[in-house]
PDB file of N, CA and C in Angstrom:
ATOM      1  N   MET A   1      41.364 149.621  54.670  1.00  0.00           N
ATOM      2  CA  MET A   1      40.777 149.200  55.927  1.00  0.00           C
ATOM      3  C   MET A   1      41.266 147.802  56.222  1.00  0.00           C
ATOM      4  N   LYS A   2      41.472 147.536  57.474  1.00  0.00           N
ATOM      5  CA  LYS A   2      41.901 146.213  57.896  1.00  0.00           C
ATOM      6  C   LYS A   2      40.722 145.244  57.858  1.00  0.00           C
ATOM      7  N   ASN A   3      40.994 144.006  58.179  1.00  0.00           N
ATOM      8  CA  ASN A   3      39.921 143.013  58.258  1.00  0.00           C
ATOM      9  C   ASN A   3      38.972 143.386  59.380  1.00  0.00           C
ATOM     10  N   ILE A   4      37.694 143.092  59.178  1.00  0.00           N
ATOM     11  CA  ILE A   4      36.716 143.353  60.225  1.00  0.00           C
ATOM     12  C   ILE A   4      36.122 142.028  60.674  1.00  0.00           C
ATOM     13  N   GLN A   5      35.654 142.015  61.901  1.00  0.00           N
ATOM     14  CA  GLN A   5      34.991 140.833  62.424  1.00  0.00           C
ATOM     15  C   GLN A   5      33.495 141.063  62.295  1.00  0.00           C
ATOM     16  N   LEU A   6      32.839 140.177  61.581  1.00  0.00           N
ATOM     17  CA  LEU A   6      31.407 140.302  61.344  1.00  0.00           C
ATOM     18  C   LEU A   6      30.635 139.734  62.520  1.00  0.00           C
ATOM     19  N   ASP A   7      29.721 140.518  63.038  1.00  0.00           N
ATOM     20  CA  ASP A   7      28.842 140.095  64.128  1.00  0.00           C
ATOM     21  C   ASP A   7      27.558 139.564  63.489  1.00  0.00           C
ATOM     22  N   LEU A   8      27.355 138.254  63.580  1.00  0.00           N
ATOM     23  CA  LEU A   8      26.181 137.648  62.941  1.00  0.00           C
ATOM     24  C   LEU A   8      24.878 138.151  63.540  1.00  0.00           C
ATOM     25  N   ASN A   9      24.867 138.437  64.836  1.00  0.00           N
ATOM     26  CA  ASN A   9      23.670 138.991  65.462  1.00  0.00           C
ATOM     27  C   ASN A   9      23.345 140.359  64.860  1.00  0.00           C
ATOM     28  N   LEU A  10      24.361 141.187  64.704  1.00  0.00           N
ATOM     29  CA  LEU A  10      24.165 142.508  64.100  1.00  0.00           C
ATOM     30  C   LEU A  10      23.676 142.376  62.663  1.00  0.00           C
ATOM     31  N   ALA A  11      24.297 141.475  61.898  1.00  0.00           N
ATOM     32  CA  ALA A  11      23.905 141.264  60.506  1.00  0.00           C
ATOM     33  C   ALA A  11      22.464 140.779  60.416  1.00  0.00           C
ATOM     34  N   THR A  12      22.054 139.925  61.345  1.00  0.00           N
ATOM     35  CA  THR A  12      20.676 139.429  61.356  1.00  0.00           C
ATOM     36  C   THR A  12      19.695 140.548  61.684  1.00  0.00           C
ATOM     37  N   ARG A  13      20.092 141.446  62.588  1.00  0.00           N
ATOM     38  CA  ARG A  13      19.186 142.511  63.041  1.00  0.00           C
ATOM     39  C   ARG A  13      19.042 143.643  62.028  1.00  0.00           C
ATOM     40  N   ILE A  14      20.154 144.054  61.400  1.00  0.00           N
ATOM     41  CA  ILE A  14      20.071 145.239  60.528  1.00  0.00           C
ATOM     42  C   ILE A  14      20.389 144.958  59.067  1.00  0.00           C
ATOM     43  N   GLY A  15      20.862 143.758  58.747  1.00  0.00           N
ATOM     44  CA  GLY A  15      21.216 143.426  57.373  1.00  0.00           C
ATOM     45  C   GLY A  15      22.715 143.244  57.237  1.00  0.00           C
ATOM     46  N   LEU A  16      23.122 142.355  56.340  1.00  0.00           N
ATOM     47  CA  LEU A  16      24.539 142.034  56.163  1.00  0.00           C
ATOM     48  C   LEU A  16      25.350 143.237  55.695  1.00  0.00           C
ATOM     49  N   HIS A  17      24.911 143.870  54.607  1.00  0.00           N
ATOM     50  CA  HIS A  17      25.662 145.014  54.070  1.00  0.00           C
ATOM     51  C   HIS A  17      25.693 146.171  55.065  1.00  0.00           C
ATOM     52  N   GLU A  18      24.566 146.402  55.719  1.00  0.00           N
ATOM     53  CA  GLU A  18      24.504 147.472  56.711  1.00  0.00           C
ATOM     54  C   GLU A  18      25.458 147.204  57.875  1.00  0.00           C
ATOM     55  N   SER A  19      25.553 145.934  58.290  1.00  0.00           N
ATOM     56  CA  SER A  19      26.447 145.612  59.410  1.00  0.00           C
ATOM     57  C   SER A  19      27.908 145.809  59.031  1.00  0.00           C
ATOM     58  N   VAL A  20      28.267 145.510  57.775  1.00  0.00           N
ATOM     59  CA  VAL A  20      29.650 145.721  57.328  1.00  0.00           C
ATOM     60  C   VAL A  20      29.987 147.211  57.357  1.00  0.00           C
ATOM     61  N   VAL A  21      29.122 148.040  56.788  1.00  0.00           N
ATOM     62  CA  VAL A  21      29.380 149.488  56.755  1.00  0.00           C
ATOM     63  C   VAL A  21      29.361 150.072  58.160  1.00  0.00           C
ATOM     64  N   LEU A  22      28.410 149.651  58.996  1.00  0.00           N
ATOM     65  CA  LEU A  22      28.334 150.163  60.358  1.00  0.00           C
ATOM     66  C   LEU A  22      29.575 149.781  61.162  1.00  0.00           C
ATOM     67  N   THR A  23      30.054 148.552  61.014  1.00  0.00           N
ATOM     68  CA  THR A  23      31.258 148.117  61.717  1.00  0.00           C
ATOM     69  C   THR A  23      32.474 148.924  61.269  1.00  0.00           C
ATOM     70  N   CYS A  24      32.584 149.156  59.958  1.00  0.00           N
ATOM     71  CA  CYS A  24      33.701 149.974  59.447  1.00  0.00           C
ATOM     72  C   CYS A  24      33.609 151.407  59.964  1.00  0.00           C
ATOM     73  N   LEU A  25      32.403 151.967  59.968  1.00  0.00           N
ATOM     74  CA  LEU A  25      32.212 153.322  60.486  1.00  0.00           C
ATOM     75  C   LEU A  25      32.587 153.372  61.965  1.00  0.00           C
ATOM     76  N   HIS A  26      32.166 152.374  62.728  1.00  0.00           N
ATOM     77  CA  HIS A  26      32.493 152.323  64.155  1.00  0.00           C
ATOM     78  C   HIS A  26      34.010 152.334  64.369  1.00  0.00           C
ATOM     79  N   GLU A  27      34.733 151.544  63.579  1.00  0.00           N
ATOM     80  CA  GLU A  27      36.199 151.504  63.692  1.00  0.00           C
ATOM     81  C   GLU A  27      36.817 152.851  63.325  1.00  0.00           C
ATOM     82  N   GLU A  28      36.313 153.479  62.274  1.00  0.00           N
ATOM     83  CA  GLU A  28      36.853 154.775  61.832  1.00  0.00           C
ATOM     84  C   GLU A  28      36.550 155.885  62.829  1.00  0.00           C
ATOM     85  N   LEU A  29      35.442 155.784  63.556  1.00  0.00           N
ATOM     86  CA  LEU A  29      35.080 156.818  64.524  1.00  0.00           C
ATOM     87  C   LEU A  29      36.061 156.892  65.688  1.00  0.00           C
ATOM     88  N   LYS A  30      36.801 155.825  65.919  1.00  0.00           N
ATOM     89  CA  LYS A  30      37.785 155.830  67.008  1.00  0.00           C
ATOM     90  C   LYS A  30      38.870 156.874  66.768  1.00  0.00           C
ATOM     91  N   ALA A  31      39.098 157.216  65.505  1.00  0.00           N
ATOM     92  CA  ALA A  31      40.073 158.256  65.152  1.00  0.00           C
ATOM     93  C   ALA A  31      39.373 159.420  64.456  1.00  0.00           C
ATOM     94  N   GLY A  32      38.087 159.578  64.703  1.00  0.00           N
ATOM     95  CA  GLY A  32      37.297 160.592  64.009  1.00  0.00           C
ATOM     96  C   GLY A  32      37.522 162.000  64.531  1.00  0.00           C
ATOM     97  N   VAL A  33      36.847 162.926  63.908  1.00  0.00           N
ATOM     98  CA  VAL A  33      36.894 164.345  64.261  1.00  0.00           C
ATOM     99  C   VAL A  33      35.836 164.603  65.330  1.00  0.00           C
ATOM    100  N   GLU A  34      36.225 165.227  66.418  1.00  0.00           N
ATOM    101  CA  GLU A  34      35.286 165.536  67.486  1.00  0.00           C
ATOM    102  C   GLU A  34      34.545 166.831  67.145  1.00  0.00           C
ATOM    103  N   TYR A  35      33.211 166.752  67.132  1.00  0.00           N
ATOM    104  CA  TYR A  35      32.385 167.933  66.859  1.00  0.00           C
ATOM    105  C   TYR A  35      31.047 167.737  67.558  1.00  0.00           C
ATOM    106  N   ALA A  36      30.595 168.753  68.256  1.00  0.00           N
ATOM    107  CA  ALA A  36      29.314 168.738  68.964  1.00  0.00           C
ATOM    108  C   ALA A  36      29.226 167.527  69.899  1.00  0.00           C
ATOM    109  N   GLU A  37      30.312 167.284  70.612  1.00  0.00           N
ATOM    110  CA  GLU A  37      30.389 166.248  71.636  1.00  0.00           C
ATOM    111  C   GLU A  37      30.196 164.829  71.114  1.00  0.00           C
ATOM    112  N   ARG A  38      30.528 164.603  69.848  1.00  0.00           N
ATOM    113  CA  ARG A  38      30.495 163.252  69.300  1.00  0.00           C
ATOM    114  C   ARG A  38      31.536 163.152  68.202  1.00  0.00           C
ATOM    115  N   PRO A  39      32.057 161.940  67.979  1.00  0.00           N
ATOM    116  CA  PRO A  39      33.037 161.762  66.899  1.00  0.00           C
ATOM    117  C   PRO A  39      32.342 161.654  65.545  1.00  0.00           C
ATOM    118  N   TRP A  40      32.993 162.178  64.519  1.00  0.00           N
ATOM    119  CA  TRP A  40      32.475 162.126  63.151  1.00  0.00           C
ATOM    120  C   TRP A  40      33.584 161.631  62.228  1.00  0.00           C
ATOM    121  N   VAL A  41      33.191 160.940  61.174  1.00  0.00           N
ATOM    122  CA  VAL A  41      34.117 160.556  60.117  1.00  0.00           C
ATOM    123  C   VAL A  41      33.788 161.412  58.906  1.00  0.00           C
ATOM    124  N   VAL A  42      34.808 162.017  58.312  1.00  0.00           N
ATOM    125  CA  VAL A  42      34.628 162.879  57.144  1.00  0.00           C
ATOM    126  C   VAL A  42      35.237 162.157  55.952  1.00  0.00           C
ATOM    127  N   ARG A  43      34.376 161.724  55.033  1.00  0.00           N
ATOM    128  CA  ARG A  43      34.829 160.940  53.890  1.00  0.00           C
ATOM    129  C   ARG A  43      33.805 160.995  52.772  1.00  0.00           C
ATOM    130  N   SER A  44      34.260 160.963  51.559  1.00  0.00           N
ATOM    131  CA  SER A  44      33.352 160.874  50.410  1.00  0.00           C
ATOM    132  C   SER A  44      32.973 159.408  50.193  1.00  0.00           C
ATOM    133  N   PHE A  45      31.946 159.177  49.380  1.00  0.00           N
ATOM    134  CA  PHE A  45      31.571 157.796  49.066  1.00  0.00           C
ATOM    135  C   PHE A  45      32.681 157.097  48.283  1.00  0.00           C
ATOM    136  N   ALA A  46      33.403 157.837  47.462  1.00  0.00           N
ATOM    137  CA  ALA A  46      34.538 157.250  46.738  1.00  0.00           C
ATOM    138  C   ALA A  46      35.617 156.796  47.717  1.00  0.00           C
ATOM    139  N   GLU A  47      35.858 157.580  48.766  1.00  0.00           N
ATOM    140  CA  GLU A  47      36.835 157.190  49.783  1.00  0.00           C
ATOM    141  C   GLU A  47      36.348 155.979  50.579  1.00  0.00           C
ATOM    142  N   TRP A  48      35.041 155.917  50.824  1.00  0.00           N
ATOM    143  CA  TRP A  48      34.494 154.733  51.496  1.00  0.00           C
ATOM    144  C   TRP A  48      34.672 153.506  50.604  1.00  0.00           C
ATOM    145  N   HIS A  49      34.505 153.661  49.296  1.00  0.00           N
ATOM    146  CA  HIS A  49      34.705 152.544  48.376  1.00  0.00           C
ATOM    147  C   HIS A  49      36.146 152.044  48.446  1.00  0.00           C
ATOM    148  N   THR A  50      37.092 152.943  48.585  1.00  0.00           N
ATOM    149  CA  THR A  50      38.496 152.546  48.736  1.00  0.00           C
ATOM    150  C   THR A  50      38.687 151.745  50.021  1.00  0.00           C
ATOM    151  N   ALA A  51      37.993 152.147  51.078  1.00  0.00           N
ATOM    152  CA  ALA A  51      38.112 151.452  52.364  1.00  0.00           C
ATOM    153  C   ALA A  51      37.355 150.124  52.374  1.00  0.00           C
ATOM    154  N   ILE A  52      36.241 150.058  51.640  1.00  0.00           N
ATOM    155  CA  ILE A  52      35.419 148.843  51.573  1.00  0.00           C
ATOM    156  C   ILE A  52      35.245 148.485  50.098  1.00  0.00           C
ATOM    157  N   PRO A  53      36.268 147.935  49.467  1.00  0.00           N
ATOM    158  CA  PRO A  53      36.234 147.731  48.019  1.00  0.00           C
ATOM    159  C   PRO A  53      35.227 146.691  47.537  1.00  0.00           C
ATOM    160  N   CYS A  54      34.653 145.904  48.441  1.00  0.00           N
ATOM    161  CA  CYS A  54      33.661 144.919  48.005  1.00  0.00           C
ATOM    162  C   CYS A  54      32.323 145.572  47.659  1.00  0.00           C
ATOM    163  N   PHE A  55      32.133 146.849  47.993  1.00  0.00           N
ATOM    164  CA  PHE A  55      30.926 147.594  47.638  1.00  0.00           C
ATOM    165  C   PHE A  55      31.298 148.765  46.735  1.00  0.00           C
ATOM    166  N   ALA A  56      30.521 148.981  45.700  1.00  0.00           N
ATOM    167  CA  ALA A  56      30.706 150.151  44.846  1.00  0.00           C
ATOM    168  C   ALA A  56      30.292 151.400  45.621  1.00  0.00           C
ATOM    169  N   ALA A  57      30.787 152.549  45.207  1.00  0.00           N
ATOM    170  CA  ALA A  57      30.448 153.811  45.880  1.00  0.00           C
ATOM    171  C   ALA A  57      28.940 154.026  45.890  1.00  0.00           C
ATOM    172  N   VAL A  58      28.270 153.730  44.778  1.00  0.00           N
ATOM    173  CA  VAL A  58      26.818 153.907  44.718  1.00  0.00           C
ATOM    174  C   VAL A  58      26.120 152.931  45.666  1.00  0.00           C
ATOM    175  N   GLY A  59      26.668 151.734  45.824  1.00  0.00           N
ATOM    176  CA  GLY A  59      26.113 150.777  46.772  1.00  0.00           C
ATOM    177  C   GLY A  59      26.257 151.252  48.203  1.00  0.00           C
ATOM    178  N   ILE A  60      27.408 151.833  48.520  1.00  0.00           N
ATOM    179  CA  ILE A  60      27.636 152.379  49.862  1.00  0.00           C
ATOM    180  C   ILE A  60      26.659 153.514  50.131  1.00  0.00           C
ATOM    181  N   ARG A  61      26.401 154.318  49.122  1.00  0.00           N
ATOM    182  CA  ARG A  61      25.433 155.419  49.271  1.00  0.00           C
ATOM    183  C   ARG A  61      24.061 154.866  49.655  1.00  0.00           C
ATOM    184  N   LYS A  62      23.645 153.777  49.007  1.00  0.00           N
ATOM    185  CA  LYS A  62      22.344 153.169  49.306  1.00  0.00           C
ATOM    186  C   LYS A  62      22.318 152.549  50.701  1.00  0.00           C
ATOM    187  N   ILE A  63      23.408 151.912  51.082  1.00  0.00           N
ATOM    188  CA  ILE A  63      23.505 151.318  52.419  1.00  0.00           C
ATOM    189  C   ILE A  63      23.445 152.404  53.482  1.00  0.00           C
ATOM    190  N   VAL A  64      24.168 153.503  53.267  1.00  0.00           N
ATOM    191  CA  VAL A  64      24.152 154.628  54.210  1.00  0.00           C
ATOM    192  C   VAL A  64      22.744 155.195  54.324  1.00  0.00           C
ATOM    193  N   LYS A  65      22.029 155.294  53.217  1.00  0.00           N
ATOM    194  CA  LYS A  65      20.648 155.790  53.258  1.00  0.00           C
ATOM    195  C   LYS A  65      19.768 154.873  54.100  1.00  0.00           C
ATOM    196  N   ARG A  66      19.931 153.560  53.946  1.00  0.00           N
ATOM    197  CA  ARG A  66      19.127 152.627  54.744  1.00  0.00           C
ATOM    198  C   ARG A  66      19.456 152.754  56.235  1.00  0.00           C
ATOM    199  N   LEU A  67      20.727 152.908  56.566  1.00  0.00           N
ATOM    200  CA  LEU A  67      21.113 153.104  57.966  1.00  0.00           C
ATOM    201  C   LEU A  67      20.568 154.423  58.507  1.00  0.00           C
ATOM    202  N   ARG A  68      20.585 155.452  57.672  1.00  0.00           N
ATOM    203  CA  ARG A  68      20.045 156.757  58.075  1.00  0.00           C
ATOM    204  C   ARG A  68      18.531 156.667  58.263  1.00  0.00           C
ATOM    205  N   ASP A  69      17.853 155.961  57.363  1.00  0.00           N
ATOM    206  CA  ASP A  69      16.401 155.804  57.471  1.00  0.00           C
ATOM    207  C   ASP A  69      16.006 155.048  58.739  1.00  0.00           C
ATOM    208  N   LYS A  70      16.876 154.138  59.186  1.00  0.00           N
ATOM    209  CA  LYS A  70      16.636 153.396  60.429  1.00  0.00           C
ATOM    210  C   LYS A  70      17.064 154.196  61.654  1.00  0.00           C
ATOM    211  N   ARG A  71      17.599 155.402  61.423  1.00  0.00           N
ATOM    212  CA  ARG A  71      18.075 156.313  62.467  1.00  0.00           C
ATOM    213  C   ARG A  71      19.216 155.709  63.274  1.00  0.00           C
ATOM    214  N   ILE A  72      20.033 154.884  62.615  1.00  0.00           N
ATOM    215  CA  ILE A  72      21.196 154.287  63.259  1.00  0.00           C
ATOM    216  C   ILE A  72      22.423 155.172  63.083  1.00  0.00           C
ATOM    217  N   ILE A  73      22.469 155.913  61.985  1.00  0.00           N
ATOM    218  CA  ILE A  73      23.564 156.859  61.773  1.00  0.00           C
ATOM    219  C   ILE A  73      22.986 158.232  61.463  1.00  0.00           C
ATOM    220  N   ILE A  74      23.833 159.229  61.639  1.00  0.00           N
ATOM    221  CA  ILE A  74      23.511 160.612  61.263  1.00  0.00           C
ATOM    222  C   ILE A  74      24.507 161.006  60.188  1.00  0.00           C
ATOM    223  N   THR A  75      24.029 161.639  59.142  1.00  0.00           N
ATOM    224  CA  THR A  75      24.921 162.160  58.103  1.00  0.00           C
ATOM    225  C   THR A  75      24.680 163.651  57.944  1.00  0.00           C
ATOM    226  N   ARG A  76      25.725 164.345  57.575  1.00  0.00           N
ATOM    227  CA  ARG A  76      25.650 165.774  57.289  1.00  0.00           C
ATOM    228  C   ARG A  76      26.507 166.061  56.065  1.00  0.00           C
ATOM    229  N   LEU A  77      25.992 166.872  55.171  1.00  0.00           N
ATOM    230  CA  LEU A  77      26.799 167.395  54.073  1.00  0.00           C
ATOM    231  C   LEU A  77      27.246 168.782  54.483  1.00  0.00           C
ATOM    232  N   VAL A  78      28.539 168.972  54.595  1.00  0.00           N
ATOM    233  CA  VAL A  78      29.100 170.245  55.033  1.00  0.00           C
ATOM    234  C   VAL A  78      29.818 170.873  53.848  1.00  0.00           C
ATOM    235  N   ARG A  79      29.467 172.111  53.549  1.00  0.00           N
ATOM    236  CA  ARG A  79      30.058 172.794  52.408  1.00  0.00           C
ATOM    237  C   ARG A  79      31.346 173.491  52.809  1.00  0.00           C
ATOM    238  N   TYR A  80      32.386 173.236  52.007  1.00  0.00           N
ATOM    239  CA  TYR A  80      33.675 173.905  52.153  1.00  0.00           C
ATOM    240  C   TYR A  80      34.004 174.522  50.807  1.00  0.00           C
ATOM    241  N   GLY A  81      33.735 175.809  50.669  1.00  0.00           N
ATOM    242  CA  GLY A  81      33.959 176.467  49.378  1.00  0.00           C
ATOM    243  C   GLY A  81      33.023 175.884  48.332  1.00  0.00           C
ATOM    244  N   GLU A  82      33.584 175.356  47.261  1.00  0.00           N
ATOM    245  CA  GLU A  82      32.779 174.781  46.188  1.00  0.00           C
ATOM    246  C   GLU A  82      32.453 173.316  46.423  1.00  0.00           C
ATOM    247  N   TYR A  83      33.038 172.716  47.435  1.00  0.00           N
ATOM    248  CA  TYR A  83      32.913 171.283  47.641  1.00  0.00           C
ATOM    249  C   TYR A  83      32.100 170.962  48.891  1.00  0.00           C
ATOM    250  N   TYR A  84      31.517 169.775  48.888  1.00  0.00           N
ATOM    251  CA  TYR A  84      30.790 169.264  50.044  1.00  0.00           C
ATOM    252  C   TYR A  84      31.546 168.063  50.607  1.00  0.00           C
ATOM    253  N   GLN A  85      31.538 167.962  51.924  1.00  0.00           N
ATOM    254  CA  GLN A  85      32.116 166.806  52.590  1.00  0.00           C
ATOM    255  C   GLN A  85      31.004 166.072  53.325  1.00  0.00           C
ATOM    256  N   LEU A  86      31.057 164.750  53.288  1.00  0.00           N
ATOM    257  CA  LEU A  86      30.087 163.929  53.990  1.00  0.00           C
ATOM    258  C   LEU A  86      30.616 163.609  55.378  1.00  0.00           C
ATOM    259  N   TRP A  87      29.872 164.002  56.396  1.00  0.00           N
ATOM    260  CA  TRP A  87      30.197 163.695  57.782  1.00  0.00           C
ATOM    261  C   TRP A  87      29.229 162.621  58.247  1.00  0.00           C
ATOM    262  N   MET A  88      29.742 161.588  58.928  1.00  0.00           N
ATOM    263  CA  MET A  88      28.880 160.518  59.442  1.00  0.00           C
ATOM    264  C   MET A  88      29.263 160.162  60.871  1.00  0.00           C
ATOM    265  N   THR A  89      28.252 159.811  61.650  1.00  0.00           N
ATOM    266  CA  THR A  89      28.458 159.328  63.009  1.00  0.00           C
ATOM    267  C   THR A  89      27.374 158.304  63.327  1.00  0.00           C
ATOM    268  N   ILE A  90      27.564 157.584  64.401  1.00  0.00           N
ATOM    269  CA  ILE A  90      26.623 156.542  64.804  1.00  0.00           C
ATOM    270  C   ILE A  90      25.795 157.029  65.983  1.00  0.00           C
ATOM    271  N   GLU A  91      24.518 156.710  65.955  1.00  0.00           N
ATOM    272  CA  GLU A  91      23.608 156.983  67.073  1.00  0.00           C
ATOM    273  C   GLU A  91      23.683 155.804  68.042  1.00  0.00           C
ATOM    274  N   TYR A  92      24.697 155.808  68.902  1.00  0.00           N
ATOM    275  CA  TYR A  92      24.909 154.678  69.799  1.00  0.00           C
ATOM    276  C   TYR A  92      23.729 154.465  70.744  1.00  0.00           C
ATOM    277  N   HIS A  93      23.083 155.538  71.172  1.00  0.00           N
ATOM    278  CA  HIS A  93      21.933 155.366  72.069  1.00  0.00           C
ATOM    279  C   HIS A  93      20.764 154.694  71.344  1.00  0.00           C
ATOM    280  N   ARG A  94      20.636 154.930  70.043  1.00  0.00           N
ATOM    281  CA  ARG A  94      19.596 154.254  69.251  1.00  0.00           C
ATOM    282  C   ARG A  94      19.911 152.762  69.134  1.00  0.00           C
ATOM    283  N   LEU A  95      21.186 152.429  68.913  1.00  0.00           N
ATOM    284  CA  LEU A  95      21.590 151.028  68.873  1.00  0.00           C
ATOM    285  C   LEU A  95      21.301 150.346  70.209  1.00  0.00           C
ATOM    286  N   ALA A  96      21.618 151.033  71.303  1.00  0.00           N
ATOM    287  CA  ALA A  96      21.369 150.466  72.632  1.00  0.00           C
ATOM    288  C   ALA A  96      19.875 150.220  72.843  1.00  0.00           C
ATOM    289  N   ALA A  97      19.041 151.137  72.363  1.00  0.00           N
ATOM    290  CA  ALA A  97      17.593 150.964  72.480  1.00  0.00           C
ATOM    291  C   ALA A  97      17.107 149.751  71.694  1.00  0.00           C
ATOM    292  N   LEU A  98      17.833 149.418  70.623  1.00  0.00           N
ATOM    293  CA  LEU A  98      17.491 148.237  69.826  1.00  0.00           C
ATOM    294  C   LEU A  98      18.132 146.965  70.383  1.00  0.00           C
ATOM    295  N   GLY A  99      18.903 147.103  71.469  1.00  0.00           N
ATOM    296  CA  GLY A  99      19.567 145.968  72.074  1.00  0.00           C
ATOM    297  C   GLY A  99      20.830 145.547  71.332  1.00  0.00           C
ATOM    298  N   ILE A 100      21.445 146.490  70.625  1.00  0.00           N
ATOM    299  CA  ILE A 100      22.639 146.207  69.839  1.00  0.00           C
ATOM    300  C   ILE A 100      23.823 146.958  70.438  1.00  0.00           C
ATOM    301  N   THR A 101      24.941 146.249  70.605  1.00  0.00           N
ATOM    302  CA  THR A 101      26.185 146.898  71.027  1.00  0.00           C
ATOM    303  C   THR A 101      27.262 146.546  70.009  1.00  0.00           C
ATOM    304  N   LEU A 102      28.175 147.457  69.825  1.00  0.00           N
ATOM    305  CA  LEU A 102      29.309 147.230  68.933  1.00  0.00           C
ATOM    306  C   LEU A 102      30.536 146.981  69.780  1.00  0.00           C
ATOM    307  N   GLU A 103      31.421 146.132  69.305  1.00  0.00           N
ATOM    308  CA  GLU A 103      32.631 145.782  70.045  1.00  0.00           C
ATOM    309  C   GLU A 103      33.464 147.028  70.303  1.00  0.00           C
ATOM    310  N   GLY A 104      33.916 147.173  71.541  1.00  0.00           N
ATOM    311  CA  GLY A 104      34.769 148.307  71.890  1.00  0.00           C
ATOM    312  C   GLY A 104      34.006 149.585  72.151  1.00  0.00           C
ATOM    313  N   GLU A 105      32.712 149.515  72.201  1.00  0.00           N
ATOM    314  CA  GLU A 105      31.883 150.705  72.415  1.00  0.00           C
ATOM    315  C   GLU A 105      31.949 151.139  73.858  1.00  0.00           C
TER     316      GLU A 105
END
């Protein structure tokens, strides 16, 4: 992943680690898979760790759970044969309701 620009307002509102993961997810969604009229990113936590090496895969899992609990992102585990893939997207309308916008949205 390339360098990201940290939004201090976003970090103050949702947390520093959450803002880093959300910003990275937002950037990845620009090239995401279109499904059910919204873009999705399909990646394992290990792949997210490769993209955001400052967080361990288990740490990213916890951050994603906190974002999901705040209803800022949606996650789905989709089964493909014996394997599961993690699909993630952002609830942009929920962010707007909280008065938060992401750059390029």
